[in-house]
PDB file of N, CA and C in Angstrom:
ATOM      1  N   ARG A   1      69.379 154.159-107.974  1.00  0.00           N
ATOM      2  CA  ARG A   1      69.609 153.331-109.145  1.00  0.00           C
ATOM      3  C   ARG A   1      69.855 154.156-110.399  1.00  0.00           C
ATOM      4  N   LEU A   2      69.277 155.327-110.453  1.00  0.00           N
ATOM      5  CA  LEU A   2      69.452 156.157-111.642  1.00  0.00           C
ATOM      6  C   LEU A   2      70.505 157.235-111.468  1.00  0.00           C
ATOM      7  N   ASP A   3      71.124 157.278-110.317  1.00  0.00           N
ATOM      8  CA  ASP A   3      72.077 158.356-110.061  1.00  0.00           C
ATOM      9  C   ASP A   3      73.188 158.415-111.104  1.00  0.00           C
ATOM     10  N   GLY A   4      73.726 157.272-111.459  1.00  0.00           N
ATOM     11  CA  GLY A   4      74.794 157.239-112.447  1.00  0.00           C
ATOM     12  C   GLY A   4      74.335 157.700-113.812  1.00  0.00           C
ATOM     13  N   VAL A   5      73.141 157.297-114.198  1.00  0.00           N
ATOM     14  CA  VAL A   5      72.593 157.692-115.500  1.00  0.00           C
ATOM     15  C   VAL A   5      72.333 159.196-115.518  1.00  0.00           C
ATOM     16  N   LYS A   6      71.760 159.704-114.436  1.00  0.00           N
ATOM     17  CA  LYS A   6      71.475 161.141-114.355  1.00  0.00           C
ATOM     18  C   LYS A   6      72.765 161.958-114.425  1.00  0.00           C
ATOM     19  N   THR A   7      73.769 161.510-113.691  1.00  0.00           N
ATOM     20  CA  THR A   7      75.054 162.209-113.702  1.00  0.00           C
ATOM     21  C   THR A   7      75.660 162.191-115.094  1.00  0.00           C
ATOM     22  N   TYR A   8      75.628 161.036-115.745  1.00  0.00           N
ATOM     23  CA  TYR A   8      76.178 160.912-117.092  1.00  0.00           C
ATOM     24  C   TYR A   8      75.467 161.857-118.057  1.00  0.00           C
ATOM     25  N   MET A   9      74.134 161.891-117.986  1.00  0.00           N
ATOM     26  CA  MET A   9      73.377 162.743-118.904  1.00  0.00           C
ATOM     27  C   MET A   9      73.680 164.221-118.658  1.00  0.00           C
ATOM     28  N   ARG A  10      73.836 164.612-117.395  1.00  0.00           N
ATOM     29  CA  ARG A  10      74.184 166.009-117.096  1.00  0.00           C
ATOM     30  C   ARG A  10      75.576 166.343-117.628  1.00  0.00           C
ATOM     31  N   MET A  11      76.529 165.431-117.415  1.00  0.00           N
ATOM     32  CA  MET A  11      77.897 165.673-117.869  1.00  0.00           C
ATOM     33  C   MET A  11      77.972 165.761-119.386  1.00  0.00           C
ATOM     34  N   ARG A  12      77.149 164.970-120.065  1.00  0.00           N
ATOM     35  CA  ARG A  12      77.144 164.968-121.534  1.00  0.00           C
ATOM     36  C   ARG A  12      76.202 166.021-122.108  1.00  0.00           C
ATOM     37  N   ARG A  13      75.589 166.803-121.217  1.00  0.00           N
ATOM     38  CA  ARG A  13      74.678 167.884-121.593  1.00  0.00           C
ATOM     39  C   ARG A  13      73.536 167.406-122.480  1.00  0.00           C
ATOM     40  N   VAL A  14      72.955 166.294-122.074  1.00  0.00           N
ATOM     41  CA  VAL A  14      71.769 165.776-122.756  1.00  0.00           C
ATOM     42  C   VAL A  14      70.628 166.754-122.470  1.00  0.00           C
ATOM     43  N   PRO A  15      69.853 167.126-123.493  1.00  0.00           N
ATOM     44  CA  PRO A  15      68.749 168.068-123.273  1.00  0.00           C
ATOM     45  C   PRO A  15      67.786 167.562-122.194  1.00  0.00           C
ATOM     46  N   ASN A  16      67.244 168.498-121.419  1.00  0.00           N
ATOM     47  CA  ASN A  16      66.374 168.140-120.298  1.00  0.00           C
ATOM     48  C   ASN A  16      65.185 167.291-120.718  1.00  0.00           C
ATOM     49  N   HIS A  17      64.562 167.628-121.854  1.00  0.00           N
ATOM     50  CA  HIS A  17      63.384 166.854-122.273  1.00  0.00           C
ATOM     51  C   HIS A  17      63.753 165.399-122.559  1.00  0.00           C
ATOM     52  N   LEU A  18      64.959 165.170-123.051  1.00  0.00           N
ATOM     53  CA  LEU A  18      65.406 163.803-123.314  1.00  0.00           C
ATOM     54  C   LEU A  18      65.764 163.094-122.006  1.00  0.00           C
ATOM     55  N   GLN A  19      66.337 163.820-121.061  1.00  0.00           N
ATOM     56  CA  GLN A  19      66.631 163.235-119.753  1.00  0.00           C
ATOM     57  C   GLN A  19      65.351 162.739-119.092  1.00  0.00           C
ATOM     58  N   VAL A  20      64.292 163.527-119.186  1.00  0.00           N
ATOM     59  CA  VAL A  20      63.007 163.135-118.599  1.00  0.00           C
ATOM     60  C   VAL A  20      62.509 161.848-119.238  1.00  0.00           C
ATOM     61  N   LYS A  21      62.632 161.736-120.558  1.00  0.00           N
ATOM     62  CA  LYS A  21      62.181 160.524-121.252  1.00  0.00           C
ATOM     63  C   LYS A  21      62.980 159.304-120.813  1.00  0.00           C
ATOM     64  N   VAL A  22      64.284 159.458-120.683  1.00  0.00           N
ATOM     65  CA  VAL A  22      65.140 158.343-120.261  1.00  0.00           C
ATOM     66  C   VAL A  22      64.773 157.906-118.843  1.00  0.00           C
ATOM     67  N   ILE A  23      64.577 158.863-117.952  1.00  0.00           N
ATOM     68  CA  ILE A  23      64.223 158.540-116.569  1.00  0.00           C
ATOM     69  C   ILE A  23      62.876 157.832-116.509  1.00  0.00           C
ATOM     70  N   LYS A  24      61.916 158.291-117.295  1.00  0.00           N
ATOM     71  CA  LYS A  24      60.603 157.631-117.331  1.00  0.00           C
ATOM     72  C   LYS A  24      60.730 156.211-117.876  1.00  0.00           C
ATOM     73  N   TRP A  25      61.590 156.015-118.863  1.00  0.00           N
ATOM     74  CA  TRP A  25      61.796 154.684-119.434  1.00  0.00           C
ATOM     75  C   TRP A  25      62.378 153.738-118.383  1.00  0.00           C
ATOM     76  N   PHE A  26      63.394 154.208-117.650  1.00  0.00           N
ATOM     77  CA  PHE A  26      63.965 153.385-116.586  1.00  0.00           C
ATOM     78  C   PHE A  26      62.924 153.064-115.526  1.00  0.00           C
ATOM     79  N   ASP A  27      62.117 154.051-115.143  1.00  0.00           N
ATOM     80  CA  ASP A  27      61.061 153.803-114.158  1.00  0.00           C
ATOM     81  C   ASP A  27      60.099 152.732-114.654  1.00  0.00           C
ATOM     82  N   TYR A  28      59.753 152.790-115.932  1.00  0.00           N
ATOM     83  CA  TYR A  28      58.864 151.785-116.514  1.00  0.00           C
ATOM     84  C   TYR A  28      59.513 150.400-116.456  1.00  0.00           C
ATOM     85  N   LEU A  29      60.774 150.320-116.858  1.00  0.00           N
ATOM     86  CA  LEU A  29      61.468 149.027-116.845  1.00  0.00           C
ATOM     87  C   LEU A  29      61.522 148.442-115.442  1.00  0.00           C
ATOM     88  N   TRP A  30      61.846 149.263-114.459  1.00  0.00           N
ATOM     89  CA  TRP A  30      61.932 148.787-113.084  1.00  0.00           C
ATOM     90  C   TRP A  30      60.569 148.387-112.557  1.00  0.00           C
ATOM     91  N   SER A  31      59.539 149.162-112.864  1.00  0.00           N
ATOM     92  CA  SER A  31      58.205 148.870-112.324  1.00  0.00           C
ATOM     93  C   SER A  31      57.609 147.608-112.933  1.00  0.00           C
ATOM     94  N   THR A  32      58.005 147.280-114.156  1.00  0.00           N
ATOM     95  CA  THR A  32      57.476 146.086-114.807  1.00  0.00           C
ATOM     96  C   THR A  32      58.421 144.895-114.676  1.00  0.00           C
ATOM     97  N   GLN A  33      59.549 145.100-113.983  1.00  0.00           N
ATOM     98  CA  GLN A  33      60.545 144.044-113.759  1.00  0.00           C
ATOM     99  C   GLN A  33      61.155 143.527-115.056  1.00  0.00           C
ATOM    100  N   LYS A  34      61.086 144.307-116.124  1.00  0.00           N
ATOM    101  CA  LYS A  34      61.657 143.862-117.394  1.00  0.00           C
ATOM    102  C   LYS A  34      63.170 143.990-117.412  1.00  0.00           C
ATOM    103  N   CYS A  35      63.667 144.817-116.529  1.00  0.00           N
ATOM    104  CA  CYS A  35      65.111 145.018-116.497  1.00  0.00           C
ATOM    105  C   CYS A  35      65.515 145.332-115.067  1.00  0.00           C
ATOM    106  N   SER A  36      65.580 144.312-114.239  1.00  0.00           N
ATOM    107  CA  SER A  36      65.821 144.533-112.818  1.00  0.00           C
ATOM    108  C   SER A  36      67.299 144.530-112.439  1.00  0.00           C
ATOM    109  N   ASN A  37      68.172 144.149-113.336  1.00  0.00           N
ATOM    110  CA  ASN A  37      69.602 144.128-113.067  1.00  0.00           C
ATOM    111  C   ASN A  37      70.197 145.476-113.479  1.00  0.00           C
ATOM    112  N   GLU A  38      70.765 146.222-112.524  1.00  0.00           N
ATOM    113  CA  GLU A  38      71.289 147.559-112.820  1.00  0.00           C
ATOM    114  C   GLU A  38      72.349 147.539-113.908  1.00  0.00           C
ATOM    115  N   GLU A  39      73.213 146.552-113.895  1.00  0.00           N
ATOM    116  CA  GLU A  39      74.276 146.486-114.891  1.00  0.00           C
ATOM    117  C   GLU A  39      73.716 146.244-116.286  1.00  0.00           C
ATOM    118  N   HIS A  40      72.594 145.580-116.371  1.00  0.00           N
ATOM    119  CA  HIS A  40      71.967 145.273-117.650  1.00  0.00           C
ATOM    120  C   HIS A  40      71.010 146.383-118.091  1.00  0.00           C
ATOM    121  N   ALA A  41      70.667 147.287-117.179  1.00  0.00           N
ATOM    122  CA  ALA A  41      69.643 148.296-117.434  1.00  0.00           C
ATOM    123  C   ALA A  41      69.977 149.185-118.627  1.00  0.00           C
ATOM    124  N   VAL A  42      71.218 149.585-118.782  1.00  0.00           N
ATOM    125  CA  VAL A  42      71.586 150.451-119.904  1.00  0.00           C
ATOM    126  C   VAL A  42      71.338 149.733-121.225  1.00  0.00           C
ATOM    127  N   GLY A  43      71.541 148.434-121.264  1.00  0.00           N
ATOM    128  CA  GLY A  43      71.268 147.660-122.471  1.00  0.00           C
ATOM    129  C   GLY A  43      69.795 147.566-122.796  1.00  0.00           C
ATOM    130  N   CYS A  44      68.951 147.909-121.848  1.00  0.00           N
ATOM    131  CA  CYS A  44      67.505 147.881-122.062  1.00  0.00           C
ATOM    132  C   CYS A  44      66.986 149.164-122.696  1.00  0.00           C
ATOM    133  N   LEU A  45      67.839 150.159-122.812  1.00  0.00           N
ATOM    134  CA  LEU A  45      67.390 151.419-123.414  1.00  0.00           C
ATOM    135  C   LEU A  45      67.026 151.203-124.879  1.00  0.00           C
ATOM    136  N   PRO A  46      65.992 151.912-125.329  1.00  0.00           N
ATOM    137  CA  PRO A  46      65.597 151.761-126.748  1.00  0.00           C
ATOM    138  C   PRO A  46      66.610 152.377-127.683  1.00  0.00           C
TER     139      PRO A  46
END
C-alpha cells in the first residue's frame, strides 16, 4: 500500500527522517481505519 508513496519520496529525494514520519502517519491512518481507501490516503496527509 505504501510502495507508491515510498517510491515517490525516494525519487523526489525527501529526507529520510521525513520519509519515516510519513510512513508512520500512513501506518497510523490504516491501523485506525481513518483512511482506508488508498486513493484517498494521500489526501489524509497533514
